[in-house]
PDB file of N, CA and C in Angstrom:
ATOM      1  N   UNK A   1      -4.328   2.863  22.420  1.00  0.00           N
ATOM      2  CA  UNK A   1      -4.320   1.419  22.324  1.00  0.00           C
ATOM      3  C   UNK A   1      -4.505   1.041  20.863  1.00  0.00           C
ATOM      4  N   UNK A   2      -3.601   0.276  20.342  1.00  0.00           N
ATOM      5  CA  UNK A   2      -3.675  -0.121  18.945  1.00  0.00           C
ATOM      6  C   UNK A   2      -3.010  -1.464  18.739  1.00  0.00           C
ATOM      7  N   UNK A   3      -2.965  -1.862  17.502  1.00  0.00           N
ATOM      8  CA  UNK A   3      -2.351  -3.134  17.150  1.00  0.00           C
ATOM      9  C   UNK A   3      -0.870  -2.887  16.886  1.00  0.00           C
ATOM     10  N   UNK A   4      -0.015  -3.566  17.624  1.00  0.00           N
ATOM     11  CA  UNK A   4       1.425  -3.414  17.420  1.00  0.00           C
ATOM     12  C   UNK A   4       1.983  -4.418  16.426  1.00  0.00           C
ATOM     13  N   UNK A   5       1.379  -5.588  16.348  1.00  0.00           N
ATOM     14  CA  UNK A   5       1.826  -6.585  15.384  1.00  0.00           C
ATOM     15  C   UNK A   5       0.621  -7.078  14.593  1.00  0.00           C
ATOM     16  N   UNK A   6       0.795  -7.312  13.294  1.00  0.00           N
ATOM     17  CA  UNK A   6      -0.337  -7.727  12.458  1.00  0.00           C
ATOM     18  C   UNK A   6      -0.823  -9.129  12.802  1.00  0.00           C
ATOM     19  N   UNK A   7      -2.118  -9.341  12.584  1.00  0.00           N
ATOM     20  CA  UNK A   7      -2.729 -10.653  12.794  1.00  0.00           C
ATOM     21  C   UNK A   7      -2.928 -11.305  11.432  1.00  0.00           C
ATOM     22  N   UNK A   8      -2.469 -12.531  11.278  1.00  0.00           N
ATOM     23  CA  UNK A   8      -2.593 -13.238  10.009  1.00  0.00           C
ATOM     24  C   UNK A   8      -3.677 -14.304  10.126  1.00  0.00           C
ATOM     25  N   UNK A   9      -4.934 -13.865  10.199  1.00  0.00           N
ATOM     26  CA  UNK A   9      -6.065 -14.784  10.302  1.00  0.00           C
ATOM     27  C   UNK A   9      -6.633 -15.105   8.937  1.00  0.00           C
ATOM     28  N   UNK A  10      -7.855 -15.605   8.930  1.00  0.00           N
ATOM     29  CA  UNK A  10      -8.527 -15.946   7.671  1.00  0.00           C
ATOM     30  C   UNK A  10      -8.798 -14.679   6.863  1.00  0.00           C
ATOM     31  N   UNK A  11      -8.559 -14.751   5.564  1.00  0.00           N
ATOM     32  CA  UNK A  11      -8.746 -13.588   4.689  1.00  0.00           C
ATOM     33  C   UNK A  11     -10.198 -13.141   4.681  1.00  0.00           C
ATOM     34  N   UNK A  12     -10.412 -11.831   4.722  1.00  0.00           N
ATOM     35  CA  UNK A  12     -11.755 -11.269   4.655  1.00  0.00           C
ATOM     36  C   UNK A  12     -12.478 -11.241   5.981  1.00  0.00           C
ATOM     37  N   UNK A  13     -11.803 -11.568   7.059  1.00  0.00           N
ATOM     38  CA  UNK A  13     -12.427 -11.533   8.382  1.00  0.00           C
ATOM     39  C   UNK A  13     -11.720 -10.502   9.241  1.00  0.00           C
ATOM     40  N   UNK A  14     -12.290 -10.223  10.405  1.00  0.00           N
ATOM     41  CA  UNK A  14     -11.644  -9.285  11.321  1.00  0.00           C
ATOM     42  C   UNK A  14     -10.462  -9.922  12.033  1.00  0.00           C
ATOM     43  N   UNK A  15     -10.244 -11.220  11.816  1.00  0.00           N
ATOM     44  CA  UNK A  15      -9.084 -11.896  12.400  1.00  0.00           C
ATOM     45  C   UNK A  15      -7.806 -11.612  11.628  1.00  0.00           C
ATOM     46  N   UNK A  16      -7.922 -11.001  10.444  1.00  0.00           N
ATOM     47  CA  UNK A  16      -6.749 -10.690   9.637  1.00  0.00           C
ATOM     48  C   UNK A  16      -6.573  -9.181   9.563  1.00  0.00           C
ATOM     49  N   UNK A  17      -5.355  -8.726   9.749  1.00  0.00           N
ATOM     50  CA  UNK A  17      -5.049  -7.307   9.604  1.00  0.00           C
ATOM     51  C   UNK A  17      -5.056  -6.940   8.125  1.00  0.00           C
ATOM     52  N   UNK A  18      -5.321  -5.664   7.805  1.00  0.00           N
ATOM     53  CA  UNK A  18      -5.297  -5.257   6.393  1.00  0.00           C
ATOM     54  C   UNK A  18      -3.872  -5.278   5.843  1.00  0.00           C
ATOM     55  N   UNK A  19      -3.773  -5.373   4.527  1.00  0.00           N
ATOM     56  CA  UNK A  19      -2.463  -5.357   3.862  1.00  0.00           C
ATOM     57  C   UNK A  19      -2.156  -3.938   3.394  1.00  0.00           C
ATOM     58  N   UNK A  20      -0.900  -3.534   3.524  1.00  0.00           N
ATOM     59  CA  UNK A  20      -0.460  -2.203   3.115  1.00  0.00           C
ATOM     60  C   UNK A  20       0.105  -2.278   1.716  1.00  0.00           C
ATOM     61  N   UNK A  21      -0.512  -1.558   0.775  1.00  0.00           N
ATOM     62  CA  UNK A  21      -0.081  -1.581  -0.623  1.00  0.00           C
ATOM     63  C   UNK A  21       0.771  -0.372  -0.985  1.00  0.00           C
ATOM     64  N   UNK A  22       1.006   0.507  -0.043  1.00  0.00           N
ATOM     65  CA  UNK A  22       1.783   1.707  -0.314  1.00  0.00           C
ATOM     66  C   UNK A  22       3.275   1.485  -0.104  1.00  0.00           C
ATOM     67  N   UNK A  23       4.044   2.572  -0.115  1.00  0.00           N
ATOM     68  CA  UNK A  23       5.489   2.467   0.095  1.00  0.00           C
ATOM     69  C   UNK A  23       5.805   1.882   1.471  1.00  0.00           C
ATOM     70  N   UNK A  24       6.794   1.026   1.549  1.00  0.00           N
ATOM     71  CA  UNK A  24       7.127   0.374   2.814  1.00  0.00           C
ATOM     72  C   UNK A  24       7.549   1.360   3.889  1.00  0.00           C
ATOM     73  N   UNK A  25       8.191   2.466   3.503  1.00  0.00           N
ATOM     74  CA  UNK A  25       8.641   3.434   4.503  1.00  0.00           C
ATOM     75  C   UNK A  25       7.470   4.148   5.186  1.00  0.00           C
ATOM     76  N   UNK A  26       6.280   4.080   4.613  1.00  0.00           N
ATOM     77  CA  UNK A  26       5.099   4.714   5.202  1.00  0.00           C
ATOM     78  C   UNK A  26       4.141   3.712   5.835  1.00  0.00           C
ATOM     79  N   UNK A  27       4.534   2.431   5.931  1.00  0.00           N
ATOM     80  CA  UNK A  27       3.628   1.385   6.427  1.00  0.00           C
ATOM     81  C   UNK A  27       3.329   1.597   7.904  1.00  0.00           C
ATOM     82  N   UNK A  28       2.041   1.756   8.267  1.00  0.00           N
ATOM     83  CA  UNK A  28       1.687   1.876   9.681  1.00  0.00           C
ATOM     84  C   UNK A  28       1.885   0.543  10.400  1.00  0.00           C
ATOM     85  N   UNK A  29       2.130   0.606  11.695  1.00  0.00           N
ATOM     86  CA  UNK A  29       2.274  -0.643  12.441  1.00  0.00           C
ATOM     87  C   UNK A  29       0.933  -1.365  12.480  1.00  0.00           C
ATOM     88  N   UNK A  30       0.972  -2.652  12.523  1.00  0.00           N
ATOM     89  CA  UNK A  30      -0.248  -3.437  12.565  1.00  0.00           C
ATOM     90  C   UNK A  30      -0.766  -3.858  11.203  1.00  0.00           C
ATOM     91  N   UNK A  31      -0.118  -3.428  10.123  1.00  0.00           N
ATOM     92  CA  UNK A  31      -0.534  -3.825   8.773  1.00  0.00           C
ATOM     93  C   UNK A  31       0.339  -4.974   8.288  1.00  0.00           C
ATOM     94  N   UNK A  32      -0.245  -5.886   7.539  1.00  0.00           N
ATOM     95  CA  UNK A  32       0.521  -6.949   6.897  1.00  0.00           C
ATOM     96  C   UNK A  32       1.195  -6.393   5.647  1.00  0.00           C
ATOM     97  N   UNK A  33       2.330  -6.940   5.245  1.00  0.00           N
ATOM     98  CA  UNK A  33       2.944  -6.489   3.996  1.00  0.00           C
ATOM     99  C   UNK A  33       2.114  -6.923   2.793  1.00  0.00           C
ATOM    100  N   UNK A  34       2.331  -6.266   1.682  1.00  0.00           N
ATOM    101  CA  UNK A  34       1.612  -6.605   0.450  1.00  0.00           C
ATOM    102  C   UNK A  34       2.017  -7.992  -0.026  1.00  0.00           C
ATOM    103  N   UNK A  35       1.104  -8.680  -0.726  1.00  0.00           N
ATOM    104  CA  UNK A  35       1.426 -10.005  -1.266  1.00  0.00           C
ATOM    105  C   UNK A  35       2.352  -9.893  -2.471  1.00  0.00           C
ATOM    106  N   UNK A  36       2.297  -8.770  -3.178  1.00  0.00           N
ATOM    107  CA  UNK A  36       3.178  -8.541  -4.317  1.00  0.00           C
ATOM    108  C   UNK A  36       4.122  -7.392  -3.970  1.00  0.00           C
ATOM    109  N   UNK A  37       4.946  -6.983  -4.902  1.00  0.00           N
ATOM    110  CA  UNK A  37       5.853  -5.857  -4.694  1.00  0.00           C
ATOM    111  C   UNK A  37       5.231  -4.626  -5.342  1.00  0.00           C
ATOM    112  N   UNK A  38       4.615  -3.723  -4.552  1.00  0.00           N
ATOM    113  CA  UNK A  38       3.934  -2.573  -5.142  1.00  0.00           C
ATOM    114  C   UNK A  38       4.872  -1.587  -5.842  1.00  0.00           C
ATOM    115  N   UNK A  39       6.182  -1.701  -5.597  1.00  0.00           N
ATOM    116  CA  UNK A  39       7.124  -0.814  -6.275  1.00  0.00           C
ATOM    117  C   UNK A  39       7.388  -1.249  -7.714  1.00  0.00           C
ATOM    118  N   UNK A  40       7.164  -2.523  -8.031  1.00  0.00           N
ATOM    119  CA  UNK A  40       7.447  -3.004  -9.382  1.00  0.00           C
ATOM    120  C   UNK A  40       6.235  -3.590 -10.094  1.00  0.00           C
ATOM    121  N   UNK A  41       5.264  -4.142  -9.368  1.00  0.00           N
ATOM    122  CA  UNK A  41       4.098  -4.762  -9.993  1.00  0.00           C
ATOM    123  C   UNK A  41       2.945  -3.770 -10.077  1.00  0.00           C
ATOM    124  N   UNK A  42       2.237  -3.781 -11.192  1.00  0.00           N
ATOM    125  CA  UNK A  42       1.149  -2.829 -11.416  1.00  0.00           C
ATOM    126  C   UNK A  42      -0.063  -3.156 -10.558  1.00  0.00           C
ATOM    127  N   UNK A  43      -0.769  -2.094 -10.150  1.00  0.00           N
ATOM    128  CA  UNK A  43      -2.018  -2.281  -9.421  1.00  0.00           C
ATOM    129  C   UNK A  43      -3.176  -2.353 -10.409  1.00  0.00           C
ATOM    130  N   UNK A  44      -4.401  -2.277  -9.922  1.00  0.00           N
ATOM    131  CA  UNK A  44      -5.578  -2.407 -10.784  1.00  0.00           C
ATOM    132  C   UNK A  44      -5.676  -1.279 -11.811  1.00  0.00           C
ATOM    133  N   UNK A  45      -5.099  -0.129 -11.507  1.00  0.00           N
ATOM    134  CA  UNK A  45      -5.143   1.017 -12.413  1.00  0.00           C
ATOM    135  C   UNK A  45      -3.994   0.966 -13.415  1.00  0.00           C
ATOM    136  N   UNK A  46      -3.028   0.091 -13.175  1.00  0.00           N
ATOM    137  CA  UNK A  46      -1.883  -0.019 -14.064  1.00  0.00           C
ATOM    138  C   UNK A  46      -0.700   0.817 -13.634  1.00  0.00           C
ATOM    139  N   UNK A  47      -0.689   1.285 -12.383  1.00  0.00           N
ATOM    140  CA  UNK A  47       0.401   2.095 -11.866  1.00  0.00           C
ATOM    141  C   UNK A  47       1.255   1.284 -10.898  1.00  0.00           C
ATOM    142  N   UNK A  48       2.487   1.723 -10.729  1.00  0.00           N
ATOM    143  CA  UNK A  48       3.354   1.185  -9.686  1.00  0.00           C
ATOM    144  C   UNK A  48       3.716   2.329  -8.755  1.00  0.00           C
ATOM    145  N   UNK A  49       4.226   2.014  -7.566  1.00  0.00           N
ATOM    146  CA  UNK A  49       4.666   3.075  -6.663  1.00  0.00           C
ATOM    147  C   UNK A  49       5.880   3.801  -7.220  1.00  0.00           C
ATOM    148  N   UNK A  50       6.692   3.102  -7.997  1.00  0.00           N
ATOM    149  CA  UNK A  50       7.899   3.700  -8.547  1.00  0.00           C
ATOM    150  C   UNK A  50       7.601   4.628  -9.725  1.00  0.00           C
ATOM    151  N   UNK A  51       6.530   4.370 -10.470  1.00  0.00           N
ATOM    152  CA  UNK A  51       6.221   5.160 -11.660  1.00  0.00           C
ATOM    153  C   UNK A  51       4.714   5.415 -11.769  1.00  0.00           C
ATOM    154  N   UNK A  52       4.159   6.304 -10.922  1.00  0.00           N
ATOM    155  CA  UNK A  52       2.727   6.586 -11.020  1.00  0.00           C
ATOM    156  C   UNK A  52       2.411   7.411 -12.267  1.00  0.00           C
ATOM    157  N   UNK A  53       1.244   7.217 -12.828  1.00  0.00           N
ATOM    158  CA  UNK A  53       0.817   7.950 -14.015  1.00  0.00           C
ATOM    159  C   UNK A  53       0.253   9.297 -13.574  1.00  0.00           C
ATOM    160  N   UNK A  54       0.752  10.368 -14.192  1.00  0.00           N
ATOM    161  CA  UNK A  54       0.274  11.717 -13.882  1.00  0.00           C
ATOM    162  C   UNK A  54      -0.169  12.363 -15.181  1.00  0.00           C
ATOM    163  N   UNK A  55      -1.467  12.515 -15.344  1.00  0.00           N
ATOM    164  CA  UNK A  55      -2.009  13.066 -16.588  1.00  0.00           C
ATOM    165  C   UNK A  55      -2.471  14.510 -16.444  1.00  0.00           C
ATOM    166  N   UNK A  56      -2.905  14.889 -15.236  1.00  0.00           N
ATOM    167  CA  UNK A  56      -3.433  16.229 -15.007  1.00  0.00           C
ATOM    168  C   UNK A  56      -2.565  16.947 -13.981  1.00  0.00           C
ATOM    169  N   UNK A  57      -2.705  18.255 -13.915  1.00  0.00           N
ATOM    170  CA  UNK A  57      -1.959  19.039 -12.943  1.00  0.00           C
ATOM    171  C   UNK A  57      -2.321  18.611 -11.526  1.00  0.00           C
ATOM    172  N   UNK A  58      -3.578  18.250 -11.294  1.00  0.00           N
ATOM    173  CA  UNK A  58      -3.998  17.840  -9.954  1.00  0.00           C
ATOM    174  C   UNK A  58      -3.392  16.505  -9.540  1.00  0.00           C
ATOM    175  N   UNK A  59      -2.878  15.728 -10.476  1.00  0.00           N
ATOM    176  CA  UNK A  59      -2.219  14.468 -10.148  1.00  0.00           C
ATOM    177  C   UNK A  59      -0.820  14.679  -9.568  1.00  0.00           C
ATOM    178  N   UNK A  60      -0.301  15.882  -9.651  1.00  0.00           N
ATOM    179  CA  UNK A  60       1.052  16.157  -9.183  1.00  0.00           C
ATOM    180  C   UNK A  60       1.199  15.931  -7.686  1.00  0.00           C
ATOM    181  N   UNK A  61       0.128  16.023  -6.938  1.00  0.00           N
ATOM    182  CA  UNK A  61       0.195  15.848  -5.493  1.00  0.00           C
ATOM    183  C   UNK A  61       0.051  14.383  -5.078  1.00  0.00           C
ATOM    184  N   UNK A  62      -0.002  13.457  -6.024  1.00  0.00           N
ATOM    185  CA  UNK A  62      -0.203  12.045  -5.700  1.00  0.00           C
ATOM    186  C   UNK A  62       0.981  11.438  -4.959  1.00  0.00           C
ATOM    187  N   UNK A  63       2.198  11.837  -5.296  1.00  0.00           N
ATOM    188  CA  UNK A  63       3.378  11.275  -4.650  1.00  0.00           C
ATOM    189  C   UNK A  63       4.328  12.393  -4.271  1.00  0.00           C
ATOM    190  N   UNK A  64       5.168  12.130  -3.291  1.00  0.00           N
ATOM    191  CA  UNK A  64       6.165  13.108  -2.867  1.00  0.00           C
ATOM    192  C   UNK A  64       7.460  12.902  -3.639  1.00  0.00           C
ATOM    193  N   UNK A  65       8.232  13.938  -3.786  1.00  0.00           N
ATOM    194  CA  UNK A  65       9.560  13.825  -4.349  1.00  0.00           C
ATOM    195  C   UNK A  65       9.648  13.768  -5.861  1.00  0.00           C
ATOM    196  N   UNK A  66       8.561  13.888  -6.565  1.00  0.00           N
ATOM    197  CA  UNK A  66       8.602  13.847  -8.034  1.00  0.00           C
ATOM    198  C   UNK A  66       8.624  15.242  -8.607  1.00  0.00           C
TER     199      UNK A  66
END
């Protein structure tokens, strides 16, 4: 039993479903879409989904296909 469609209630309450900031192809059902475009707009760290920053060898596992 789960949420099949997202709930758009008041922000910060349990009446609102969480927003998915990851790639759209991996969005679980029941999540609201992001307010911005995570593929082109930078997040708090300054990365985008299209161009993540990889500084260390351990960062190589952050995204698939790179």
